[in-house]
Amino acid sequence: GDGDFNDPEDLTQGEQNTARDFEYRKI
């Protein structure tokens, strides 16, 4: 919650899309 997405613990859009695709393929 520091206002940017550059910290190591932040999740990038690519990581989020990968996780979402992972959940879709598990259906």
mmCIF file of all heavy atoms, coordinates in Angstrom:
data_MODEL
# 
_entry.id   MODEL 
# 
loop_
_atom_site.group_PDB 
_atom_site.id 
_atom_site.type_symbol 
_atom_site.label_atom_id 
_atom_site.label_alt_id 
_atom_site.label_comp_id 
_atom_site.label_asym_id 
_atom_site.label_entity_id 
_atom_site.label_seq_id 
_atom_site.pdbx_PDB_ins_code 
_atom_site.Cartn_x 
_atom_site.Cartn_y 
_atom_site.Cartn_z 
_atom_site.occupancy 
_atom_site.B_iso_or_equiv 
_atom_site.pdbx_formal_charge 
_atom_site.auth_seq_id 
_atom_site.auth_comp_id 
_atom_site.auth_asym_id 
_atom_site.auth_atom_id 
_atom_site.pdbx_PDB_model_num 
ATOM 1   N N   . GLY A 1 1  ? 0.778   -1.233  0.000   1.00 0.00 ? 1  GLY A N   1 
ATOM 2   C CA  . GLY A 1 1  ? 0.000   0.000   0.000   1.00 0.00 ? 1  GLY A CA  1 
ATOM 3   C C   . GLY A 1 1  ? 0.803   1.274   0.000   1.00 0.00 ? 1  GLY A C   1 
ATOM 4   O O   . GLY A 1 1  ? 0.318   2.316   0.467   1.00 0.00 ? 1  GLY A O   1 
ATOM 5   N N   . ASP A 1 2  ? 2.017   1.228   -0.579  1.00 0.00 ? 2  ASP A N   1 
ATOM 6   C CA  . ASP A 1 2  ? 2.841   2.444   -0.585  1.00 0.00 ? 2  ASP A CA  1 
ATOM 7   C C   . ASP A 1 2  ? 2.629   3.299   -1.823  1.00 0.00 ? 2  ASP A C   1 
ATOM 8   O O   . ASP A 1 2  ? 3.327   4.294   -2.023  1.00 0.00 ? 2  ASP A O   1 
ATOM 9   C CB  . ASP A 1 2  ? 4.321   2.081   -0.439  1.00 0.00 ? 2  ASP A CB  1 
ATOM 10  C CG  . ASP A 1 2  ? 4.846   1.236   -1.604  1.00 0.00 ? 2  ASP A CG  1 
ATOM 11  O OD1 . ASP A 1 2  ? 4.027   0.885   -2.497  1.00 0.00 ? 2  ASP A OD1 1 
ATOM 12  O OD2 . ASP A 1 2  ? 6.054   0.926   -1.628  1.00 0.00 ? 2  ASP A OD2 1 
ATOM 13  N N   . GLY A 1 3  ? 1.686   2.926   -2.664  1.00 0.00 ? 3  GLY A N   1 
ATOM 14  C CA  . GLY A 1 3  ? 1.358   3.758   -3.816  1.00 0.00 ? 3  GLY A CA  1 
ATOM 15  C C   . GLY A 1 3  ? 2.094   3.417   -5.082  1.00 0.00 ? 3  GLY A C   1 
ATOM 16  O O   . GLY A 1 3  ? 1.877   4.056   -6.113  1.00 0.00 ? 3  GLY A O   1 
ATOM 17  N N   . ASP A 1 4  ? 3.022   2.453   -5.047  1.00 0.00 ? 4  ASP A N   1 
ATOM 18  C CA  . ASP A 1 4  ? 3.687   2.031   -6.283  1.00 0.00 ? 4  ASP A CA  1 
ATOM 19  C C   . ASP A 1 4  ? 3.668   0.514   -6.363  1.00 0.00 ? 4  ASP A C   1 
ATOM 20  O O   . ASP A 1 4  ? 3.263   -0.174  -5.437  1.00 0.00 ? 4  ASP A O   1 
ATOM 21  C CB  . ASP A 1 4  ? 5.122   2.571   -6.358  1.00 0.00 ? 4  ASP A CB  1 
ATOM 22  C CG  . ASP A 1 4  ? 6.017   2.019   -5.253  1.00 0.00 ? 4  ASP A CG  1 
ATOM 23  O OD1 . ASP A 1 4  ? 6.112   0.782   -5.117  1.00 0.00 ? 4  ASP A OD1 1 
ATOM 24  O OD2 . ASP A 1 4  ? 6.614   2.828   -4.492  1.00 0.00 ? 4  ASP A OD2 1 
ATOM 25  N N   . PHE A 1 5  ? 4.115   -0.004  -7.529  1.00 0.00 ? 5  PHE A N   1 
ATOM 26  C CA  . PHE A 1 5  ? 4.090   -1.445  -7.767  1.00 0.00 ? 5  PHE A CA  1 
ATOM 27  C C   . PHE A 1 5  ? 5.499   -1.975  -8.005  1.00 0.00 ? 5  PHE A C   1 
ATOM 28  O O   . PHE A 1 5  ? 5.691   -2.963  -8.713  1.00 0.00 ? 5  PHE A O   1 
ATOM 29  C CB  . PHE A 1 5  ? 3.204   -1.766  -8.978  1.00 0.00 ? 5  PHE A CB  1 
ATOM 30  C CG  . PHE A 1 5  ? 1.796   -1.232  -8.864  1.00 0.00 ? 5  PHE A CG  1 
ATOM 31  C CD1 . PHE A 1 5  ? 1.448   -0.021  -9.450  1.00 0.00 ? 5  PHE A CD1 1 
ATOM 32  C CD2 . PHE A 1 5  ? 0.840   -1.929  -8.161  1.00 0.00 ? 5  PHE A CD2 1 
ATOM 33  C CE1 . PHE A 1 5  ? 0.163   0.469   -9.346  1.00 0.00 ? 5  PHE A CE1 1 
ATOM 34  C CE2 . PHE A 1 5  ? -0.452  -1.447  -8.051  1.00 0.00 ? 5  PHE A CE2 1 
ATOM 35  C CZ  . PHE A 1 5  ? -0.797  -0.241  -8.639  1.00 0.00 ? 5  PHE A CZ  1 
ATOM 36  N N   . ASN A 1 6  ? 6.490   -1.321  -7.416  1.00 0.00 ? 6  ASN A N   1 
ATOM 37  C CA  . ASN A 1 6  ? 7.881   -1.651  -7.700  1.00 0.00 ? 6  ASN A CA  1 
ATOM 38  C C   . ASN A 1 6  ? 8.540   -2.474  -6.609  1.00 0.00 ? 6  ASN A C   1 
ATOM 39  O O   . ASN A 1 6  ? 9.702   -2.859  -6.738  1.00 0.00 ? 6  ASN A O   1 
ATOM 40  C CB  . ASN A 1 6  ? 8.694   -0.365  -7.914  1.00 0.00 ? 6  ASN A CB  1 
ATOM 41  C CG  . ASN A 1 6  ? 8.146   0.470   -9.060  1.00 0.00 ? 6  ASN A CG  1 
ATOM 42  O OD1 . ASN A 1 6  ? 7.743   -0.075  -10.083 1.00 0.00 ? 6  ASN A OD1 1 
ATOM 43  N ND2 . ASN A 1 6  ? 8.126   1.796   -8.885  1.00 0.00 ? 6  ASN A ND2 1 
ATOM 44  N N   . ASP A 1 7  ? 7.838   -2.711  -5.501  1.00 0.00 ? 7  ASP A N   1 
ATOM 45  C CA  . ASP A 1 7  ? 8.443   -3.460  -4.402  1.00 0.00 ? 7  ASP A CA  1 
ATOM 46  C C   . ASP A 1 7  ? 8.444   -4.955  -4.702  1.00 0.00 ? 7  ASP A C   1 
ATOM 47  O O   . ASP A 1 7  ? 7.583   -5.453  -5.436  1.00 0.00 ? 7  ASP A O   1 
ATOM 48  C CB  . ASP A 1 7  ? 7.674   -3.198  -3.107  1.00 0.00 ? 7  ASP A CB  1 
ATOM 49  C CG  . ASP A 1 7  ? 7.644   -1.710  -2.765  1.00 0.00 ? 7  ASP A CG  1 
ATOM 50  O OD1 . ASP A 1 7  ? 8.727   -1.103  -2.713  1.00 0.00 ? 7  ASP A OD1 1 
ATOM 51  O OD2 . ASP A 1 7  ? 6.535   -1.163  -2.580  1.00 0.00 ? 7  ASP A OD2 1 
ATOM 52  N N   . PRO A 1 8  ? 9.401   -5.689  -4.138  1.00 0.00 ? 8  PRO A N   1 
ATOM 53  C CA  . PRO A 1 8  ? 9.498   -7.130  -4.430  1.00 0.00 ? 8  PRO A CA  1 
ATOM 54  C C   . PRO A 1 8  ? 8.232   -7.901  -4.094  1.00 0.00 ? 8  PRO A C   1 
ATOM 55  O O   . PRO A 1 8  ? 7.895   -8.884  -4.770  1.00 0.00 ? 8  PRO A O   1 
ATOM 56  C CB  . PRO A 1 8  ? 10.675  -7.585  -3.552  1.00 0.00 ? 8  PRO A CB  1 
ATOM 57  C CG  . PRO A 1 8  ? 11.483  -6.352  -3.352  1.00 0.00 ? 8  PRO A CG  1 
ATOM 58  C CD  . PRO A 1 8  ? 10.506  -5.211  -3.294  1.00 0.00 ? 8  PRO A CD  1 
ATOM 59  N N   . GLU A 1 9  ? 7.530   -7.469  -3.036  1.00 0.00 ? 9  GLU A N   1 
ATOM 60  C CA  . GLU A 1 9  ? 6.330   -8.205  -2.645  1.00 0.00 ? 9  GLU A CA  1 
ATOM 61  C C   . GLU A 1 9  ? 5.106   -7.858  -3.486  1.00 0.00 ? 9  GLU A C   1 
ATOM 62  O O   . GLU A 1 9  ? 4.076   -8.538  -3.420  1.00 0.00 ? 9  GLU A O   1 
ATOM 63  C CB  . GLU A 1 9  ? 6.002   -7.962  -1.167  1.00 0.00 ? 9  GLU A CB  1 
ATOM 64  C CG  . GLU A 1 9  ? 5.677   -6.519  -0.812  1.00 0.00 ? 9  GLU A CG  1 
ATOM 65  C CD  . GLU A 1 9  ? 6.919   -5.732  -0.416  1.00 0.00 ? 9  GLU A CD  1 
ATOM 66  O OE1 . GLU A 1 9  ? 8.033   -6.127  -0.838  1.00 0.00 ? 9  GLU A OE1 1 
ATOM 67  O OE2 . GLU A 1 9  ? 6.776   -4.747  0.317   1.00 0.00 ? 9  GLU A OE2 1 
ATOM 68  N N   . ASP A 1 10 ? 5.165   -6.769  -4.264  1.00 0.00 ? 10 ASP A N   1 
ATOM 69  C CA  . ASP A 1 10 ? 4.041   -6.395  -5.118  1.00 0.00 ? 10 ASP A CA  1 
ATOM 70  C C   . ASP A 1 10 ? 3.869   -7.420  -6.240  1.00 0.00 ? 10 ASP A C   1 
ATOM 71  O O   . ASP A 1 10 ? 4.829   -8.057  -6.689  1.00 0.00 ? 10 ASP A O   1 
ATOM 72  C CB  . ASP A 1 10 ? 4.260   -5.008  -5.719  1.00 0.00 ? 10 ASP A CB  1 
ATOM 73  C CG  . ASP A 1 10 ? 4.181   -3.909  -4.676  1.00 0.00 ? 10 ASP A CG  1 
ATOM 74  O OD1 . ASP A 1 10 ? 3.595   -4.167  -3.604  1.00 0.00 ? 10 ASP A OD1 1 
ATOM 75  O OD2 . ASP A 1 10 ? 4.713   -2.810  -4.929  1.00 0.00 ? 10 ASP A OD2 1 
ATOM 76  N N   . LEU A 1 11 ? 2.640   -7.555  -6.699  1.00 0.00 ? 11 LEU A N   1 
ATOM 77  C CA  . LEU A 1 11 ? 2.317   -8.498  -7.772  1.00 0.00 ? 11 LEU A CA  1 
ATOM 78  C C   . LEU A 1 11 ? 2.124   -7.738  -9.075  1.00 0.00 ? 11 LEU A C   1 
ATOM 79  O O   . LEU A 1 11 ? 1.289   -6.829  -9.156  1.00 0.00 ? 11 LEU A O   1 
ATOM 80  C CB  . LEU A 1 11 ? 1.050   -9.286  -7.433  1.00 0.00 ? 11 LEU A CB  1 
ATOM 81  C CG  . LEU A 1 11 ? 1.106   -10.132 -6.154  1.00 0.00 ? 11 LEU A CG  1 
ATOM 82  C CD1 . LEU A 1 11 ? -0.252  -10.790 -5.887  1.00 0.00 ? 11 LEU A CD1 1 
ATOM 83  C CD2 . LEU A 1 11 ? 2.195   -11.190 -6.261  1.00 0.00 ? 11 LEU A CD2 1 
ATOM 84  N N   . THR A 1 12 ? 2.904   -8.108  -10.079 1.00 0.00 ? 12 THR A N   1 
ATOM 85  C CA  . THR A 1 12 ? 2.793   -7.448  -11.376 1.00 0.00 ? 12 THR A CA  1 
ATOM 86  C C   . THR A 1 12 ? 1.550   -7.943  -12.113 1.00 0.00 ? 12 THR A C   1 
ATOM 87  O O   . THR A 1 12 ? 0.940   -8.959  -11.737 1.00 0.00 ? 12 THR A O   1 
ATOM 88  C CB  . THR A 1 12 ? 4.033   -7.720  -12.239 1.00 0.00 ? 12 THR A CB  1 
ATOM 89  O OG1 . THR A 1 12 ? 4.070   -9.121  -12.556 1.00 0.00 ? 12 THR A OG1 1 
ATOM 90  C CG2 . THR A 1 12 ? 5.309   -7.338  -11.494 1.00 0.00 ? 12 THR A CG2 1 
ATOM 91  N N   . GLN A 1 13 ? 1.197   -7.216  -13.174 1.00 0.00 ? 13 GLN A N   1 
ATOM 92  C CA  . GLN A 1 13 ? 0.059   -7.640  -13.980 1.00 0.00 ? 13 GLN A CA  1 
ATOM 93  C C   . GLN A 1 13 ? 0.314   -9.015  -14.592 1.00 0.00 ? 13 GLN A C   1 
ATOM 94  O O   . GLN A 1 13 ? -0.593  -9.851  -14.670 1.00 0.00 ? 13 GLN A O   1 
ATOM 95  C CB  . GLN A 1 13 ? -0.232  -6.618  -15.071 1.00 0.00 ? 13 GLN A CB  1 
ATOM 96  C CG  . GLN A 1 13 ? -1.475  -6.947  -15.893 1.00 0.00 ? 13 GLN A CG  1 
ATOM 97  C CD  . GLN A 1 13 ? -1.814  -5.871  -16.903 1.00 0.00 ? 13 GLN A CD  1 
ATOM 98  O OE1 . GLN A 1 13 ? -0.979  -5.036  -17.240 1.00 0.00 ? 13 GLN A OE1 1 
ATOM 99  N NE2 . GLN A 1 13 ? -3.044  -5.874  -17.381 1.00 0.00 ? 13 GLN A NE2 1 
ATOM 100 N N   . GLY A 1 14 ? 1.548   -9.263  -15.027 1.00 0.00 ? 14 GLY A N   1 
ATOM 101 C CA  . GLY A 1 14 ? 1.880   -10.563 -15.601 1.00 0.00 ? 14 GLY A CA  1 
ATOM 102 C C   . GLY A 1 14 ? 1.713   -11.690 -14.593 1.00 0.00 ? 14 GLY A C   1 
ATOM 103 O O   . GLY A 1 14 ? 1.196   -12.761 -14.926 1.00 0.00 ? 14 GLY A O   1 
ATOM 104 N N   . GLU A 1 15 ? 2.146   -11.457 -13.354 1.00 0.00 ? 15 GLU A N   1 
ATOM 105 C CA  . GLU A 1 15 ? 1.981   -12.477 -12.323 1.00 0.00 ? 15 GLU A CA  1 
ATOM 106 C C   . GLU A 1 15 ? 0.511   -12.717 -12.015 1.00 0.00 ? 15 GLU A C   1 
ATOM 107 O O   . GLU A 1 15 ? 0.075   -13.856 -11.798 1.00 0.00 ? 15 GLU A O   1 
ATOM 108 C CB  . GLU A 1 15 ? 2.724   -12.047 -11.055 1.00 0.00 ? 15 GLU A CB  1 
ATOM 109 C CG  . GLU A 1 15 ? 4.249   -12.060 -11.201 1.00 0.00 ? 15 GLU A CG  1 
ATOM 110 C CD  . GLU A 1 15 ? 4.937   -11.445 -10.000 1.00 0.00 ? 15 GLU A CD  1 
ATOM 111 O OE1 . GLU A 1 15 ? 4.332   -10.549 -9.350  1.00 0.00 ? 15 GLU A OE1 1 
ATOM 112 O OE2 . GLU A 1 15 ? 6.080   -11.840 -9.723  1.00 0.00 ? 15 GLU A OE2 1 
ATOM 113 N N   . GLN A 1 16 ? -0.265  -11.661 -11.993 1.00 0.00 ? 16 GLN A N   1 
ATOM 114 C CA  . GLN A 1 16 ? -1.686  -11.798 -11.748 1.00 0.00 ? 16 GLN A CA  1 
ATOM 115 C C   . GLN A 1 16 ? -2.385  -12.567 -12.877 1.00 0.00 ? 16 GLN A C   1 
ATOM 116 O O   . GLN A 1 16 ? -3.249  -13.420 -12.635 1.00 0.00 ? 16 GLN A O   1 
ATOM 117 C CB  . GLN A 1 16 ? -2.327  -10.411 -11.603 1.00 0.00 ? 16 GLN A CB  1 
ATOM 118 C CG  . GLN A 1 16 ? -2.021  -9.727  -10.280 1.00 0.00 ? 16 GLN A CG  1 
ATOM 119 C CD  . GLN A 1 16 ? -2.808  -10.358 -9.151  1.00 0.00 ? 16 GLN A CD  1 
ATOM 120 O OE1 . GLN A 1 16 ? -2.400  -11.374 -8.587  1.00 0.00 ? 16 GLN A OE1 1 
ATOM 121 N NE2 . GLN A 1 16 ? -3.934  -9.761  -8.809  1.00 0.00 ? 16 GLN A NE2 1 
ATOM 122 N N   . ASN A 1 17 ? -2.010  -12.255 -14.117 1.00 0.00 ? 17 ASN A N   1 
ATOM 123 C CA  . ASN A 1 17 ? -2.606  -12.962 -15.247 1.00 0.00 ? 17 ASN A CA  1 
ATOM 124 C C   . ASN A 1 17 ? -2.228  -14.443 -15.239 1.00 0.00 ? 17 ASN A C   1 
ATOM 125 O O   . ASN A 1 17 ? -3.035  -15.312 -15.578 1.00 0.00 ? 17 ASN A O   1 
ATOM 126 C CB  . ASN A 1 17 ? -2.180  -12.323 -16.561 1.00 0.00 ? 17 ASN A CB  1 
ATOM 127 C CG  . ASN A 1 17 ? -2.872  -11.001 -16.816 1.00 0.00 ? 17 ASN A CG  1 
ATOM 128 O OD1 . ASN A 1 17 ? -3.965  -10.754 -16.320 1.00 0.00 ? 17 ASN A OD1 1 
ATOM 129 N ND2 . ASN A 1 17 ? -2.230  -10.136 -17.579 1.00 0.00 ? 17 ASN A ND2 1 
ATOM 130 N N   . THR A 1 18 ? -0.973  -14.731 -14.855 1.00 0.00 ? 18 THR A N   1 
ATOM 131 C CA  . THR A 1 18 ? -0.537  -16.123 -14.759 1.00 0.00 ? 18 THR A CA  1 
ATOM 132 C C   . THR A 1 18 ? -1.351  -16.874 -13.715 1.00 0.00 ? 18 THR A C   1 
ATOM 133 O O   . THR A 1 18 ? -1.786  -18.007 -13.938 1.00 0.00 ? 18 THR A O   1 
ATOM 134 C CB  . THR A 1 18 ? 0.960   -16.196 -14.425 1.00 0.00 ? 18 THR A CB  1 
ATOM 135 O OG1 . THR A 1 18 ? 1.707   -15.564 -15.465 1.00 0.00 ? 18 THR A OG1 1 
ATOM 136 C CG2 . THR A 1 18 ? 1.409   -17.644 -14.286 1.00 0.00 ? 18 THR A CG2 1 
ATOM 137 N N   . ALA A 1 19 ? -1.571  -16.236 -12.567 1.00 0.00 ? 19 ALA A N   1 
ATOM 138 C CA  . ALA A 1 19 ? -2.364  -16.859 -11.508 1.00 0.00 ? 19 ALA A CA  1 
ATOM 139 C C   . ALA A 1 19 ? -3.809  -17.068 -11.955 1.00 0.00 ? 19 ALA A C   1 
ATOM 140 O O   . ALA A 1 19 ? -4.425  -18.098 -11.665 1.00 0.00 ? 19 ALA A O   1 
ATOM 141 C CB  . ALA A 1 19 ? -2.311  -16.004 -10.246 1.00 0.00 ? 19 ALA A CB  1 
ATOM 142 N N   . ARG A 1 20 ? -4.354  -16.095 -12.665 1.00 0.00 ? 20 ARG A N   1 
ATOM 143 C CA  . ARG A 1 20 ? -5.732  -16.216 -13.134 1.00 0.00 ? 20 ARG A CA  1 
ATOM 144 C C   . ARG A 1 20 ? -5.853  -17.325 -14.176 1.00 0.00 ? 20 ARG A C   1 
ATOM 145 O O   . ARG A 1 20 ? -6.824  -18.085 -14.172 1.00 0.00 ? 20 ARG A O   1 
ATOM 146 C CB  . ARG A 1 20 ? -6.199  -14.873 -13.711 1.00 0.00 ? 20 ARG A CB  1 
ATOM 147 C CG  . ARG A 1 20 ? -7.625  -14.868 -14.212 1.00 0.00 ? 20 ARG A CG  1 
ATOM 148 C CD  . ARG A 1 20 ? -8.164  -13.469 -14.330 1.00 0.00 ? 20 ARG A CD  1 
ATOM 149 N NE  . ARG A 1 20 ? -8.348  -12.852 -13.027 1.00 0.00 ? 20 ARG A NE  1 
ATOM 150 C CZ  . ARG A 1 20 ? -8.899  -11.659 -12.824 1.00 0.00 ? 20 ARG A CZ  1 
ATOM 151 N NH1 . ARG A 1 20 ? -9.330  -10.958 -13.859 1.00 0.00 ? 20 ARG A NH1 1 
ATOM 152 N NH2 . ARG A 1 20 ? -9.026  -11.169 -11.619 1.00 0.00 ? 20 ARG A NH2 1 
ATOM 153 N N   . ASP A 1 21 ? -4.863  -17.416 -15.065 1.00 0.00 ? 21 ASP A N   1 
ATOM 154 C CA  . ASP A 1 21 ? -4.872  -18.489 -16.060 1.00 0.00 ? 21 ASP A CA  1 
ATOM 155 C C   . ASP A 1 21 ? -4.741  -19.848 -15.382 1.00 0.00 ? 21 ASP A C   1 
ATOM 156 O O   . ASP A 1 21 ? -5.362  -20.831 -15.812 1.00 0.00 ? 21 ASP A O   1 
ATOM 157 C CB  . ASP A 1 21 ? -3.726  -18.277 -17.054 1.00 0.00 ? 21 ASP A CB  1 
ATOM 158 C CG  . ASP A 1 21 ? -3.740  -19.296 -18.178 1.00 0.00 ? 21 ASP A CG  1 
ATOM 159 O OD1 . ASP A 1 21 ? -4.738  -19.345 -18.915 1.00 0.00 ? 21 ASP A OD1 1 
ATOM 160 O OD2 . ASP A 1 21 ? -2.752  -20.041 -18.318 1.00 0.00 ? 21 ASP A OD2 1 
ATOM 161 N N   . PHE A 1 22 ? -3.947  -19.898 -14.312 1.00 0.00 ? 22 PHE A N   1 
ATOM 162 C CA  . PHE A 1 22 ? -3.778  -21.128 -13.548 1.00 0.00 ? 22 PHE A CA  1 
ATOM 163 C C   . PHE A 1 22 ? -5.121  -21.580 -12.971 1.00 0.00 ? 22 PHE A C   1 
ATOM 164 O O   . PHE A 1 22 ? -5.481  -22.762 -13.033 1.00 0.00 ? 22 PHE A O   1 
ATOM 165 C CB  . PHE A 1 22 ? -2.757  -20.894 -12.430 1.00 0.00 ? 22 PHE A CB  1 
ATOM 166 C CG  . PHE A 1 22 ? -2.495  -22.100 -11.572 1.00 0.00 ? 22 PHE A CG  1 
ATOM 167 C CD1 . PHE A 1 22 ? -1.593  -23.075 -11.960 1.00 0.00 ? 22 PHE A CD1 1 
ATOM 168 C CD2 . PHE A 1 22 ? -3.157  -22.261 -10.360 1.00 0.00 ? 22 PHE A CD2 1 
ATOM 169 C CE1 . PHE A 1 22 ? -1.362  -24.185 -11.159 1.00 0.00 ? 22 PHE A CE1 1 
ATOM 170 C CE2 . PHE A 1 22 ? -2.928  -23.362 -9.555  1.00 0.00 ? 22 PHE A CE2 1 
ATOM 171 C CZ  . PHE A 1 22 ? -2.027  -24.330 -9.959  1.00 0.00 ? 22 PHE A CZ  1 
ATOM 172 N N   . GLU A 1 23 ? -5.874  -20.645 -12.409 1.00 0.00 ? 23 GLU A N   1 
ATOM 173 C CA  . GLU A 1 23 ? -7.173  -20.973 -11.827 1.00 0.00 ? 23 GLU A CA  1 
ATOM 174 C C   . GLU A 1 23 ? -8.164  -21.402 -12.911 1.00 0.00 ? 23 GLU A C   1 
ATOM 175 O O   . GLU A 1 23 ? -8.977  -22.314 -12.703 1.00 0.00 ? 23 GLU A O   1 
ATOM 176 C CB  . GLU A 1 23 ? -7.730  -19.771 -11.062 1.00 0.00 ? 23 GLU A CB  1 
ATOM 177 C CG  . GLU A 1 23 ? -6.949  -19.424 -9.811  1.00 0.00 ? 23 GLU A CG  1 
ATOM 178 C CD  . GLU A 1 23 ? -6.938  -20.563 -8.798  1.00 0.00 ? 23 GLU A CD  1 
ATOM 179 O OE1 . GLU A 1 23 ? -8.005  -21.206 -8.621  1.00 0.00 ? 23 GLU A OE1 1 
ATOM 180 O OE2 . GLU A 1 23 ? -5.875  -20.824 -8.207  1.00 0.00 ? 23 GLU A OE2 1 
ATOM 181 N N   . TYR A 1 24 ? -8.102  -20.754 -14.077 1.00 0.00 ? 24 TYR A N   1 
ATOM 182 C CA  . TYR A 1 24 ? -9.002  -21.116 -15.176 1.00 0.00 ? 24 TYR A CA  1 
ATOM 183 C C   . TYR A 1 24 ? -8.738  -22.538 -15.641 1.00 0.00 ? 24 TYR A C   1 
ATOM 184 O O   . TYR A 1 24 ? -9.663  -23.320 -15.880 1.00 0.00 ? 24 TYR A O   1 
ATOM 185 C CB  . TYR A 1 24 ? -8.829  -20.127 -16.330 1.00 0.00 ? 24 TYR A CB  1 
ATOM 186 C CG  . TYR A 1 24 ? -9.734  -20.380 -17.513 1.00 0.00 ? 24 TYR A CG  1 
ATOM 187 C CD1 . TYR A 1 24 ? -11.050 -19.931 -17.531 1.00 0.00 ? 24 TYR A CD1 1 
ATOM 188 C CD2 . TYR A 1 24 ? -9.271  -21.071 -18.635 1.00 0.00 ? 24 TYR A CD2 1 
ATOM 189 C CE1 . TYR A 1 24 ? -11.895 -20.153 -18.610 1.00 0.00 ? 24 TYR A CE1 1 
ATOM 190 C CE2 . TYR A 1 24 ? -10.096 -21.303 -19.722 1.00 0.00 ? 24 TYR A CE2 1 
ATOM 191 C CZ  . TYR A 1 24 ? -11.405 -20.840 -19.704 1.00 0.00 ? 24 TYR A CZ  1 
ATOM 192 O OH  . TYR A 1 24 ? -12.227 -21.081 -20.780 1.00 0.00 ? 24 TYR A OH  1 
ATOM 193 N N   . ARG A 1 25 ? -7.472  -22.889 -15.769 1.00 0.00 ? 25 ARG A N   1 
ATOM 194 C CA  . ARG A 1 25 ? -7.129  -24.219 -16.262 1.00 0.00 ? 25 ARG A CA  1 
ATOM 195 C C   . ARG A 1 25 ? -7.436  -25.314 -15.243 1.00 0.00 ? 25 ARG A C   1 
ATOM 196 O O   . ARG A 1 25 ? -7.534  -26.485 -15.604 1.00 0.00 ? 25 ARG A O   1 
ATOM 197 C CB  . ARG A 1 25 ? -5.656  -24.269 -16.668 1.00 0.00 ? 25 ARG A CB  1 
ATOM 198 C CG  . ARG A 1 25 ? -5.352  -23.484 -17.936 1.00 0.00 ? 25 ARG A CG  1 
ATOM 199 C CD  . ARG A 1 25 ? -3.895  -23.606 -18.350 1.00 0.00 ? 25 ARG A CD  1 
ATOM 200 N NE  . ARG A 1 25 ? -3.655  -22.936 -19.622 1.00 0.00 ? 25 ARG A NE  1 
ATOM 201 C CZ  . ARG A 1 25 ? -3.810  -23.519 -20.811 1.00 0.00 ? 25 ARG A CZ  1 
ATOM 202 N NH1 . ARG A 1 25 ? -4.200  -24.769 -20.880 1.00 0.00 ? 25 ARG A NH1 1 
ATOM 203 N NH2 . ARG A 1 25 ? -3.561  -22.853 -21.921 1.00 0.00 ? 25 ARG A NH2 1 
ATOM 204 N N   . LYS A 1 26 ? -7.586  -24.953 -13.993 1.00 0.00 ? 26 LYS A N   1 
ATOM 205 C CA  . LYS A 1 26 ? -7.922  -25.940 -12.966 1.00 0.00 ? 26 LYS A CA  1 
ATOM 206 C C   . LYS A 1 26 ? -9.401  -26.308 -12.991 1.00 0.00 ? 26 LYS A C   1 
ATOM 207 O O   . LYS A 1 26 ? -9.807  -27.280 -12.355 1.00 0.00 ? 26 LYS A O   1 
ATOM 208 C CB  . LYS A 1 26 ? -7.555  -25.397 -11.577 1.00 0.00 ? 26 LYS A CB  1 
ATOM 209 C CG  . LYS A 1 26 ? -6.061  -25.441 -11.284 1.00 0.00 ? 26 LYS A CG  1 
ATOM 210 C CD  . LYS A 1 26 ? -5.741  -24.725 -9.984  1.00 0.00 ? 26 LYS A CD  1 
ATOM 211 C CE  . LYS A 1 26 ? -6.499  -25.293 -8.799  1.00 0.00 ? 26 LYS A CE  1 
ATOM 212 N NZ  . LYS A 1 26 ? -6.141  -24.594 -7.534  1.00 0.00 ? 26 LYS A NZ  1 
ATOM 213 N N   . ILE A 1 27 ? -10.227 -25.544 -13.701 1.00 0.00 ? 27 ILE A N   1 
ATOM 214 C CA  . ILE A 1 27 ? -11.658 -25.838 -13.755 1.00 0.00 ? 27 ILE A CA  1 
ATOM 215 C C   . ILE A 1 27 ? -11.875 -27.169 -14.480 1.00 0.00 ? 27 ILE A C   1 
ATOM 216 O O   . ILE A 1 27 ? -11.372 -27.382 -15.579 1.00 0.00 ? 27 ILE A O   1 
ATOM 217 C CB  . ILE A 1 27 ? -12.432 -24.727 -14.486 1.00 0.00 ? 27 ILE A CB  1 
ATOM 218 C CG1 . ILE A 1 27 ? -12.255 -23.389 -13.763 1.00 0.00 ? 27 ILE A CG1 1 
ATOM 219 C CG2 . ILE A 1 27 ? -13.912 -25.060 -14.582 1.00 0.00 ? 27 ILE A CG2 1 
ATOM 220 C CD1 . ILE A 1 27 ? -12.834 -22.212 -14.519 1.00 0.00 ? 27 ILE A CD1 1 
# 
